[in-house]
Amino acid sequence: MTARSRKTFRFATFICAPHPATPYSPALAVIIFKMRFGFTITLIVLVLTTGTAQKTDLDYINSDKFESDGQIKGIGLIEIDLGREYFGKNLVIYDINGQPKITIRVTDNDVTTKLSNKSYSRNDNGNPFSPRLFVTNPDYFRLIFDCAKSTDKYYEVIVDQKTNETGFIKKADNSFKFETVVEYVNEWTTLGLDFDRTQNPLRQEPSDNGSVISNEDQKKYKIWRAAKIEMKGDWLKVKIGDSEQGWIRWRQGDRILIRIYFAC
């Protein structure tokens, strides 16, 4: 399989794979099974109505603690460039002396991390590597760092969110790209977002003084799912279901207030 066809296959797998953050509620699903004996069985599955599905969705996202994307530690973000071919390459983070500190390699079946002369596979819970985001499924690999500083040749990135330990990525390494916080949020919220409606209410205008848009289900549900319409400063205009539109804050100072989806 060529690099292009492999990438296309993985992208198709990624966008079709079920994920907790999938914002859809189909009224009818038709599943067709092709049997090896040459005939087709068509199974029609009736799904819940849109209104009921929306409420079930709210039940799901409210079943766990809400965690926003949190504090931005630095001048922006460094992330793996999904438009580049990174499979089978060594993705290297260097130490202050220019020597390899952490090496990540993505293959068809694994994501390995090598640091301190020890290698960790994707399912190794003892892996101490903890950047902002590290998704070790090869089919939808994600790697995002807070960028603390930028020099002529390197980005200094935070490789441990607990200790703020840093490493260095070469600017010449086109497997990675730099994004400002605005670019990062604007890009990733195209997949959807959650927000805490009790602390970050939906408003009619992009202002802390804007009128609050209330919903009777707020008494039961704290976390709400939304689709981005546009960004304006520290505010996002969002759509909730089929009936509500308004503005929420995505940023307060150096903190991102929303929960971002990194897979659909």
C-alpha atoms as a PDB file:
ATOM      1  CA  MET A   1       0.000   0.000   0.000  1.00  0.00           C
ATOM      2  CA  THR A   2       1.425   3.404  -0.949  1.00  0.00           C
ATOM      3  CA  ALA A   3       1.868   6.225   1.551  1.00  0.00           C
ATOM      4  CA  ARG A   4      -1.012   8.132  -0.049  1.00  0.00           C
ATOM      5  CA  SER A   5      -3.415   5.170  -0.056  1.00  0.00           C
ATOM      6  CA  ARG A   6      -2.437   4.243   3.509  1.00  0.00           C
ATOM      7  CA  LYS A   7      -3.106   7.789   4.651  1.00  0.00           C
ATOM      8  CA  THR A   8      -6.460   7.845   2.853  1.00  0.00           C
ATOM      9  CA  PHE A   9      -7.421   4.525   4.430  1.00  0.00           C
ATOM     10  CA  ARG A  10      -6.476   5.746   7.888  1.00  0.00           C
ATOM     11  CA  PHE A  11      -8.389   8.987   7.402  1.00  0.00           C
ATOM     12  CA  ALA A  12     -11.461   7.028   6.319  1.00  0.00           C
ATOM     13  CA  THR A  13     -11.094   4.767   9.339  1.00  0.00           C
ATOM     14  CA  PHE A  14     -10.759   7.804  11.581  1.00  0.00           C
ATOM     15  CA  ILE A  15     -13.821   9.679  10.359  1.00  0.00           C
ATOM     16  CA  CYS A  16     -16.010   6.578  10.310  1.00  0.00           C
ATOM     17  CA  ALA A  17     -14.991   5.086  13.644  1.00  0.00           C
ATOM     18  CA  PRO A  18     -17.519   5.540  16.478  1.00  0.00           C
ATOM     19  CA  HIS A  19     -16.291   7.920  19.156  1.00  0.00           C
ATOM     20  CA  PRO A  20     -17.911   9.374  22.308  1.00  0.00           C
ATOM     21  CA  ALA A  21     -17.661  12.844  20.792  1.00  0.00           C
ATOM     22  CA  THR A  22     -19.600  12.051  17.613  1.00  0.00           C
ATOM     23  CA  PRO A  23     -22.299  14.774  17.283  1.00  0.00           C
ATOM     24  CA  TYR A  24     -24.883  12.954  15.240  1.00  0.00           C
ATOM     25  CA  SER A  25     -28.358  11.482  15.940  1.00  0.00           C
ATOM     26  CA  PRO A  26     -29.638   9.531  12.913  1.00  0.00           C
ATOM     27  CA  ALA A  27     -33.322   8.643  12.856  1.00  0.00           C
ATOM     28  CA  LEU A  28     -32.715   5.522  10.825  1.00  0.00           C
ATOM     29  CA  ALA A  29     -29.678   3.293  10.342  1.00  0.00           C
ATOM     30  CA  VAL A  30     -29.586   0.685   7.603  1.00  0.00           C
ATOM     31  CA  ILE A  31     -26.963  -1.990   8.098  1.00  0.00           C
ATOM     32  CA  ILE A  32     -26.251  -4.291   5.172  1.00  0.00           C
ATOM     33  CA  PHE A  33     -24.430  -7.524   5.807  1.00  0.00           C
ATOM     34  CA  LYS A  34     -22.806  -9.235   2.831  1.00  0.00           C
ATOM     35  CA  MET A  35     -22.721 -12.940   3.432  1.00  0.00           C
ATOM     36  CA  ARG A  36     -20.100 -15.197   1.922  1.00  0.00           C
ATOM     37  CA  PHE A  37     -22.825 -17.345   0.340  1.00  0.00           C
ATOM     38  CA  GLY A  38     -23.601 -14.560  -2.093  1.00  0.00           C
ATOM     39  CA  PHE A  39     -26.817 -13.092  -0.729  1.00  0.00           C
ATOM     40  CA  THR A  40     -27.457  -9.937   1.203  1.00  0.00           C
ATOM     41  CA  ILE A  41     -29.363  -9.527   4.420  1.00  0.00           C
ATOM     42  CA  THR A  42     -30.614  -6.042   5.035  1.00  0.00           C
ATOM     43  CA  LEU A  43     -31.256  -5.219   8.642  1.00  0.00           C
ATOM     44  CA  ILE A  44     -33.147  -2.033   9.313  1.00  0.00           C
ATOM     45  CA  VAL A  45     -32.509  -0.673  12.756  1.00  0.00           C
ATOM     46  CA  LEU A  46     -34.881   1.907  14.133  1.00  0.00           C
ATOM     47  CA  VAL A  47     -33.051   4.473  16.220  1.00  0.00           C
ATOM     48  CA  LEU A  48     -34.441   6.827  18.825  1.00  0.00           C
ATOM     49  CA  THR A  49     -36.048  10.040  17.638  1.00  0.00           C
ATOM     50  CA  THR A  50     -33.889  13.148  17.422  1.00  0.00           C
ATOM     51  CA  GLY A  51     -35.248  14.682  20.621  1.00  0.00           C
ATOM     52  CA  THR A  52     -34.694  11.551  22.669  1.00  0.00           C
ATOM     53  CA  ALA A  53     -31.229  11.053  21.186  1.00  0.00           C
ATOM     54  CA  GLN A  54     -30.281  14.590  22.182  1.00  0.00           C
ATOM     55  CA  LYS A  55     -31.302  13.915  25.778  1.00  0.00           C
ATOM     56  CA  THR A  56     -29.435  10.596  25.786  1.00  0.00           C
ATOM     57  CA  ASP A  57     -26.384  12.460  24.498  1.00  0.00           C
ATOM     58  CA  LEU A  58     -26.609  14.930  27.385  1.00  0.00           C
ATOM     59  CA  ASP A  59     -26.926  12.048  29.828  1.00  0.00           C
ATOM     60  CA  TYR A  60     -23.727  10.572  28.415  1.00  0.00           C
ATOM     61  CA  ILE A  61     -21.539  13.666  28.517  1.00  0.00           C
ATOM     62  CA  ASN A  62     -22.789  14.536  32.013  1.00  0.00           C
ATOM     63  CA  SER A  63     -21.896  11.114  33.386  1.00  0.00           C
ATOM     64  CA  ASP A  64     -18.272  12.163  33.946  1.00  0.00           C
ATOM     65  CA  LYS A  65     -16.432  15.146  35.388  1.00  0.00           C
ATOM     66  CA  PHE A  66     -16.049  18.133  33.064  1.00  0.00           C
ATOM     67  CA  GLU A  67     -12.444  19.013  32.282  1.00  0.00           C
ATOM     68  CA  SER A  68     -11.739  21.938  30.010  1.00  0.00           C
ATOM     69  CA  ASP A  69      -8.666  22.150  27.786  1.00  0.00           C
ATOM     70  CA  GLY A  70      -7.081  24.106  30.630  1.00  0.00           C
ATOM     71  CA  GLN A  71      -4.160  26.487  30.918  1.00  0.00           C
ATOM     72  CA  ILE A  72      -1.977  27.412  27.966  1.00  0.00           C
ATOM     73  CA  LYS A  73       1.629  27.345  29.174  1.00  0.00           C
ATOM     74  CA  GLY A  74       3.554  29.505  26.765  1.00  0.00           C
ATOM     75  CA  ILE A  75       3.313  31.243  23.423  1.00  0.00           C
ATOM     76  CA  GLY A  76       1.279  28.679  21.501  1.00  0.00           C
ATOM     77  CA  LEU A  77       1.107  24.988  20.577  1.00  0.00           C
ATOM     78  CA  ILE A  78       3.329  22.578  18.662  1.00  0.00           C
ATOM     79  CA  GLU A  79       1.484  19.635  17.157  1.00  0.00           C
ATOM     80  CA  ILE A  80       2.033  16.779  14.772  1.00  0.00           C
ATOM     81  CA  ASP A  81       1.179  17.915  11.256  1.00  0.00           C
ATOM     82  CA  LEU A  82      -1.508  15.494  10.115  1.00  0.00           C
ATOM     83  CA  GLY A  83      -0.960  16.594   6.530  1.00  0.00           C
ATOM     84  CA  ARG A  84       2.550  15.128   6.552  1.00  0.00           C
ATOM     85  CA  GLU A  85       3.679  11.521   6.321  1.00  0.00           C
ATOM     86  CA  TYR A  86       4.904  10.638   9.807  1.00  0.00           C
ATOM     87  CA  PHE A  87       4.365   6.850   9.762  1.00  0.00           C
ATOM     88  CA  GLY A  88       7.605   4.961  10.252  1.00  0.00           C
ATOM     89  CA  LYS A  89       9.581   8.130  11.038  1.00  0.00           C
ATOM     90  CA  ASN A  90      11.432   8.889  14.249  1.00  0.00           C
ATOM     91  CA  LEU A  91       9.780  11.928  15.835  1.00  0.00           C
ATOM     92  CA  VAL A  92      12.540  13.337  18.008  1.00  0.00           C
ATOM     93  CA  ILE A  93      12.486  15.748  20.945  1.00  0.00           C
ATOM     94  CA  TYR A  94      16.006  16.856  21.908  1.00  0.00           C
ATOM     95  CA  ASP A  95      17.643  17.846  25.180  1.00  0.00           C
ATOM     96  CA  ILE A  96      19.378  21.163  25.783  1.00  0.00           C
ATOM     97  CA  ASN A  97      22.642  19.746  24.367  1.00  0.00           C
ATOM     98  CA  GLY A  98      21.015  18.781  21.076  1.00  0.00           C
ATOM     99  CA  GLN A  99      20.940  15.056  21.865  1.00  0.00           C
ATOM    100  CA  PRO A 100      17.789  12.907  21.423  1.00  0.00           C
ATOM    101  CA  LYS A 101      15.756  12.993  24.620  1.00  0.00           C
ATOM    102  CA  ILE A 102      12.479  11.396  23.518  1.00  0.00           C
ATOM    103  CA  THR A 103      11.830   9.441  20.320  1.00  0.00           C
ATOM    104  CA  ILE A 104       8.318   8.543  19.164  1.00  0.00           C
ATOM    105  CA  ARG A 105       7.605   6.180  16.302  1.00  0.00           C
ATOM    106  CA  VAL A 106       4.211   5.417  14.768  1.00  0.00           C
ATOM    107  CA  THR A 107       3.756   2.128  12.937  1.00  0.00           C
ATOM    108  CA  ASP A 108       0.721   0.235  11.666  1.00  0.00           C
ATOM    109  CA  ASN A 109       0.191  -1.543  14.975  1.00  0.00           C
ATOM    110  CA  ASP A 110       1.873   0.521  17.667  1.00  0.00           C
ATOM    111  CA  VAL A 111       3.099   3.880  18.908  1.00  0.00           C
ATOM    112  CA  THR A 112       6.388   3.490  20.757  1.00  0.00           C
ATOM    113  CA  THR A 113       8.048   6.040  23.005  1.00  0.00           C
ATOM    114  CA  LYS A 114      11.728   5.840  23.893  1.00  0.00           C
ATOM    115  CA  LEU A 115      13.119   7.935  26.728  1.00  0.00           C
ATOM    116  CA  SER A 116      15.771   7.428  29.402  1.00  0.00           C
ATOM    117  CA  ASN A 117      16.995   4.391  27.420  1.00  0.00           C
ATOM    118  CA  LYS A 118      13.680   2.611  27.898  1.00  0.00           C
ATOM    119  CA  SER A 119      10.972   1.914  25.323  1.00  0.00           C
ATOM    120  CA  TYR A 120       7.232   1.973  25.980  1.00  0.00           C
ATOM    121  CA  SER A 121       4.497   0.563  23.769  1.00  0.00           C
ATOM    122  CA  ARG A 122       1.133   2.239  23.237  1.00  0.00           C
ATOM    123  CA  ASN A 123      -0.576   0.265  26.041  1.00  0.00           C
ATOM    124  CA  ASP A 124       2.168   0.679  28.629  1.00  0.00           C
ATOM    125  CA  ASN A 125       0.649   2.548  31.580  1.00  0.00           C
ATOM    126  CA  GLY A 126       4.117   3.215  32.974  1.00  0.00           C
ATOM    127  CA  ASN A 127       5.033   5.643  30.188  1.00  0.00           C
ATOM    128  CA  PRO A 128       6.018   8.919  31.945  1.00  0.00           C
ATOM    129  CA  PHE A 129       5.734  11.007  28.757  1.00  0.00           C
ATOM    130  CA  SER A 130       2.877  13.478  29.351  1.00  0.00           C
ATOM    131  CA  PRO A 131       2.567  16.416  26.916  1.00  0.00           C
ATOM    132  CA  ARG A 132      -0.682  18.334  26.487  1.00  0.00           C
ATOM    133  CA  LEU A 133      -2.158  15.589  24.300  1.00  0.00           C
ATOM    134  CA  PHE A 134      -0.794  12.170  23.361  1.00  0.00           C
ATOM    135  CA  VAL A 135      -3.164   9.729  21.626  1.00  0.00           C
ATOM    136  CA  THR A 136      -1.373   6.447  21.025  1.00  0.00           C
ATOM    137  CA  ASN A 137      -3.823   4.748  18.676  1.00  0.00           C
ATOM    138  CA  PRO A 138      -2.027   4.546  15.292  1.00  0.00           C
ATOM    139  CA  ASP A 139      -5.287   5.089  13.415  1.00  0.00           C
ATOM    140  CA  TYR A 140      -5.829   8.547  14.916  1.00  0.00           C
ATOM    141  CA  PHE A 141      -2.491   9.477  16.409  1.00  0.00           C
ATOM    142  CA  ARG A 142      -2.382  12.892  18.117  1.00  0.00           C
ATOM    143  CA  LEU A 143       0.586  14.713  19.671  1.00  0.00           C
ATOM    144  CA  ILE A 144       0.350  18.285  20.962  1.00  0.00           C
ATOM    145  CA  PHE A 145       2.762  20.269  23.162  1.00  0.00           C
ATOM    146  CA  ASP A 146       2.596  23.623  24.860  1.00  0.00           C
ATOM    147  CA  CYS A 147       5.321  25.766  23.302  1.00  0.00           C
ATOM    148  CA  ALA A 148       7.201  27.597  26.044  1.00  0.00           C
ATOM    149  CA  LYS A 149       9.675  29.496  23.832  1.00  0.00           C
ATOM    150  CA  SER A 150      10.898  29.865  20.261  1.00  0.00           C
ATOM    151  CA  THR A 151      14.546  30.309  19.215  1.00  0.00           C
ATOM    152  CA  ASP A 152      16.171  30.564  15.803  1.00  0.00           C
ATOM    153  CA  LYS A 153      16.372  26.799  15.331  1.00  0.00           C
ATOM    154  CA  TYR A 154      14.187  25.207  18.012  1.00  0.00           C
ATOM    155  CA  TYR A 155      10.808  25.252  19.695  1.00  0.00           C
ATOM    156  CA  GLU A 156      11.089  24.624  23.423  1.00  0.00           C
ATOM    157  CA  VAL A 157       8.110  22.435  24.382  1.00  0.00           C
ATOM    158  CA  ILE A 158       6.688  21.093  27.624  1.00  0.00           C
ATOM    159  CA  VAL A 159       7.060  17.301  27.681  1.00  0.00           C
ATOM    160  CA  ASP A 160       5.687  16.814  31.214  1.00  0.00           C
ATOM    161  CA  GLN A 161       2.573  18.744  32.185  1.00  0.00           C
ATOM    162  CA  LYS A 162       3.049  17.917  35.882  1.00  0.00           C
ATOM    163  CA  THR A 163       6.661  19.080  36.287  1.00  0.00           C
ATOM    164  CA  ASN A 164       6.839  21.492  33.303  1.00  0.00           C
ATOM    165  CA  GLU A 165       9.982  19.693  32.126  1.00  0.00           C
ATOM    166  CA  THR A 166      10.907  20.806  28.613  1.00  0.00           C
ATOM    167  CA  GLY A 167      12.566  19.495  25.471  1.00  0.00           C
ATOM    168  CA  PHE A 168      13.334  20.913  22.044  1.00  0.00           C
ATOM    169  CA  ILE A 169      11.900  20.290  18.574  1.00  0.00           C
ATOM    170  CA  LYS A 170      13.802  21.415  15.506  1.00  0.00           C
ATOM    171  CA  LYS A 171      12.010  24.031  13.443  1.00  0.00           C
ATOM    172  CA  ALA A 172      13.369  22.265  10.354  1.00  0.00           C
ATOM    173  CA  ASP A 173      11.360  19.138  11.259  1.00  0.00           C
ATOM    174  CA  ASN A 174       8.265  19.494   9.081  1.00  0.00           C
ATOM    175  CA  SER A 175       6.493  16.672  10.908  1.00  0.00           C
ATOM    176  CA  PHE A 176       5.490  19.363  13.403  1.00  0.00           C
ATOM    177  CA  LYS A 177       3.795  22.730  13.067  1.00  0.00           C
ATOM    178  CA  PHE A 178       3.343  25.762  15.308  1.00  0.00           C
ATOM    179  CA  GLU A 179      -0.079  27.256  15.988  1.00  0.00           C
ATOM    180  CA  THR A 180      -1.160  30.238  18.031  1.00  0.00           C
ATOM    181  CA  VAL A 181      -3.807  29.540  20.655  1.00  0.00           C
ATOM    182  CA  VAL A 182      -6.433  31.161  18.430  1.00  0.00           C
ATOM    183  CA  GLU A 183      -5.431  29.013  15.432  1.00  0.00           C
ATOM    184  CA  TYR A 184      -5.403  25.878  17.595  1.00  0.00           C
ATOM    185  CA  VAL A 185      -8.884  26.447  19.039  1.00  0.00           C
ATOM    186  CA  ASN A 186     -10.324  27.588  15.718  1.00  0.00           C
ATOM    187  CA  GLU A 187      -9.000  24.462  13.982  1.00  0.00           C
ATOM    188  CA  TRP A 188      -9.981  21.817  16.509  1.00  0.00           C
ATOM    189  CA  THR A 189     -13.426  23.153  17.427  1.00  0.00           C
ATOM    190  CA  THR A 190     -14.575  22.326  13.902  1.00  0.00           C
ATOM    191  CA  LEU A 191     -15.058  18.793  15.301  1.00  0.00           C
ATOM    192  CA  GLY A 192     -17.271  20.061  18.134  1.00  0.00           C
ATOM    193  CA  LEU A 193     -16.936  21.060  21.759  1.00  0.00           C
ATOM    194  CA  ASP A 194     -18.468  20.771  25.230  1.00  0.00           C
ATOM    195  CA  PHE A 195     -18.913  23.561  27.757  1.00  0.00           C
ATOM    196  CA  ASP A 196     -20.058  23.984  31.348  1.00  0.00           C
ATOM    197  CA  ARG A 197     -23.276  25.945  31.014  1.00  0.00           C
ATOM    198  CA  THR A 198     -23.448  26.714  34.749  1.00  0.00           C
ATOM    199  CA  GLN A 199     -20.048  28.462  34.747  1.00  0.00           C
ATOM    200  CA  ASN A 200     -19.965  29.624  31.122  1.00  0.00           C
ATOM    201  CA  PRO A 201     -23.558  30.445  30.188  1.00  0.00           C
ATOM    202  CA  LEU A 202     -24.872  30.796  26.664  1.00  0.00           C
ATOM    203  CA  ARG A 203     -25.390  34.508  25.934  1.00  0.00           C
ATOM    204  CA  GLN A 204     -27.127  36.520  23.256  1.00  0.00           C
ATOM    205  CA  GLU A 205     -24.062  38.716  22.663  1.00  0.00           C
ATOM    206  CA  PRO A 206     -20.274  38.084  22.926  1.00  0.00           C
ATOM    207  CA  SER A 207     -20.007  39.945  26.225  1.00  0.00           C
ATOM    208  CA  ASP A 208     -20.028  39.086  29.930  1.00  0.00           C
ATOM    209  CA  ASN A 209     -22.923  41.530  30.161  1.00  0.00           C
ATOM    210  CA  GLY A 210     -24.891  39.799  27.406  1.00  0.00           C
ATOM    211  CA  SER A 211     -28.306  38.389  28.243  1.00  0.00           C
ATOM    212  CA  VAL A 212     -28.205  34.736  29.307  1.00  0.00           C
ATOM    213  CA  ILE A 213     -30.109  32.216  27.181  1.00  0.00           C
ATOM    214  CA  SER A 214     -31.717  29.709  29.525  1.00  0.00           C
ATOM    215  CA  ASN A 215     -32.937  26.202  28.890  1.00  0.00           C
ATOM    216  CA  GLU A 216     -35.211  24.187  31.180  1.00  0.00           C
ATOM    217  CA  ASP A 217     -32.847  21.202  30.956  1.00  0.00           C
ATOM    218  CA  GLN A 218     -30.111  23.228  32.676  1.00  0.00           C
ATOM    219  CA  LYS A 219     -31.599  22.089  35.990  1.00  0.00           C
ATOM    220  CA  LYS A 220     -30.543  18.531  35.120  1.00  0.00           C
ATOM    221  CA  TYR A 221     -27.544  18.977  32.831  1.00  0.00           C
ATOM    222  CA  LYS A 222     -24.380  20.962  33.557  1.00  0.00           C
ATOM    223  CA  ILE A 223     -22.329  20.034  30.464  1.00  0.00           C
ATOM    224  CA  TRP A 224     -23.621  20.846  26.991  1.00  0.00           C
ATOM    225  CA  ARG A 225     -22.431  19.915  23.526  1.00  0.00           C
ATOM    226  CA  ALA A 226     -22.193  22.548  20.790  1.00  0.00           C
ATOM    227  CA  ALA A 227     -21.102  23.131  17.217  1.00  0.00           C
ATOM    228  CA  LYS A 228     -19.002  26.196  16.415  1.00  0.00           C
ATOM    229  CA  ILE A 229     -20.414  28.784  14.013  1.00  0.00           C
ATOM    230  CA  GLU A 230     -17.774  31.507  14.296  1.00  0.00           C
ATOM    231  CA  MET A 231     -15.057  32.945  16.556  1.00  0.00           C
ATOM    232  CA  LYS A 232     -14.914  36.544  17.724  1.00  0.00           C
ATOM    233  CA  GLY A 233     -12.118  37.431  20.131  1.00  0.00           C
ATOM    234  CA  ASP A 234     -12.410  35.260  23.227  1.00  0.00           C
ATOM    235  CA  TRP A 235     -15.939  34.197  22.252  1.00  0.00           C
ATOM    236  CA  LEU A 236     -17.460  31.481  20.095  1.00  0.00           C
ATOM    237  CA  LYS A 237     -20.855  31.629  18.489  1.00  0.00           C
ATOM    238  CA  VAL A 238     -22.272  28.129  18.815  1.00  0.00           C
ATOM    239  CA  LYS A 239     -25.303  26.093  17.888  1.00  0.00           C
ATOM    240  CA  ILE A 240     -26.869  23.618  20.303  1.00  0.00           C
ATOM    241  CA  GLY A 241     -29.165  21.062  18.738  1.00  0.00           C
ATOM    242  CA  ASP A 242     -31.625  22.479  16.231  1.00  0.00           C
ATOM    243  CA  SER A 243     -33.073  25.317  18.275  1.00  0.00           C
ATOM    244  CA  GLU A 244     -30.452  27.268  20.243  1.00  0.00           C
ATOM    245  CA  GLN A 245     -27.708  29.656  19.147  1.00  0.00           C
ATOM    246  CA  GLY A 246     -25.640  32.021  21.223  1.00  0.00           C
ATOM    247  CA  TRP A 247     -22.174  32.993  22.450  1.00  0.00           C
ATOM    248  CA  ILE A 248     -19.887  31.345  25.000  1.00  0.00           C
ATOM    249  CA  ARG A 249     -16.413  32.213  26.209  1.00  0.00           C
ATOM    250  CA  TRP A 250     -13.684  29.895  24.926  1.00  0.00           C
ATOM    251  CA  ARG A 251     -10.910  31.702  26.796  1.00  0.00           C
ATOM    252  CA  GLN A 252     -10.478  33.572  30.072  1.00  0.00           C
ATOM    253  CA  GLY A 253      -6.948  34.942  30.444  1.00  0.00           C
ATOM    254  CA  ASP A 254      -4.538  32.050  29.803  1.00  0.00           C
ATOM    255  CA  ARG A 255      -7.167  29.335  30.297  1.00  0.00           C
ATOM    256  CA  ILE A 256      -9.272  27.577  27.670  1.00  0.00           C
ATOM    257  CA  LEU A 257     -12.740  27.126  29.149  1.00  0.00           C
ATOM    258  CA  ILE A 258     -14.176  24.595  26.710  1.00  0.00           C
ATOM    259  CA  ARG A 259     -13.520  20.902  26.150  1.00  0.00           C
ATOM    260  CA  ILE A 260     -12.230  20.293  22.627  1.00  0.00           C
ATOM    261  CA  TYR A 261     -12.786  17.160  20.540  1.00  0.00           C
ATOM    262  CA  PHE A 262      -9.680  15.671  18.980  1.00  0.00           C
ATOM    263  CA  ALA A 263     -11.476  12.807  17.233  1.00  0.00           C
ATOM    264  CA  CYS A 264     -14.914  12.638  15.690  1.00  0.00           C
END
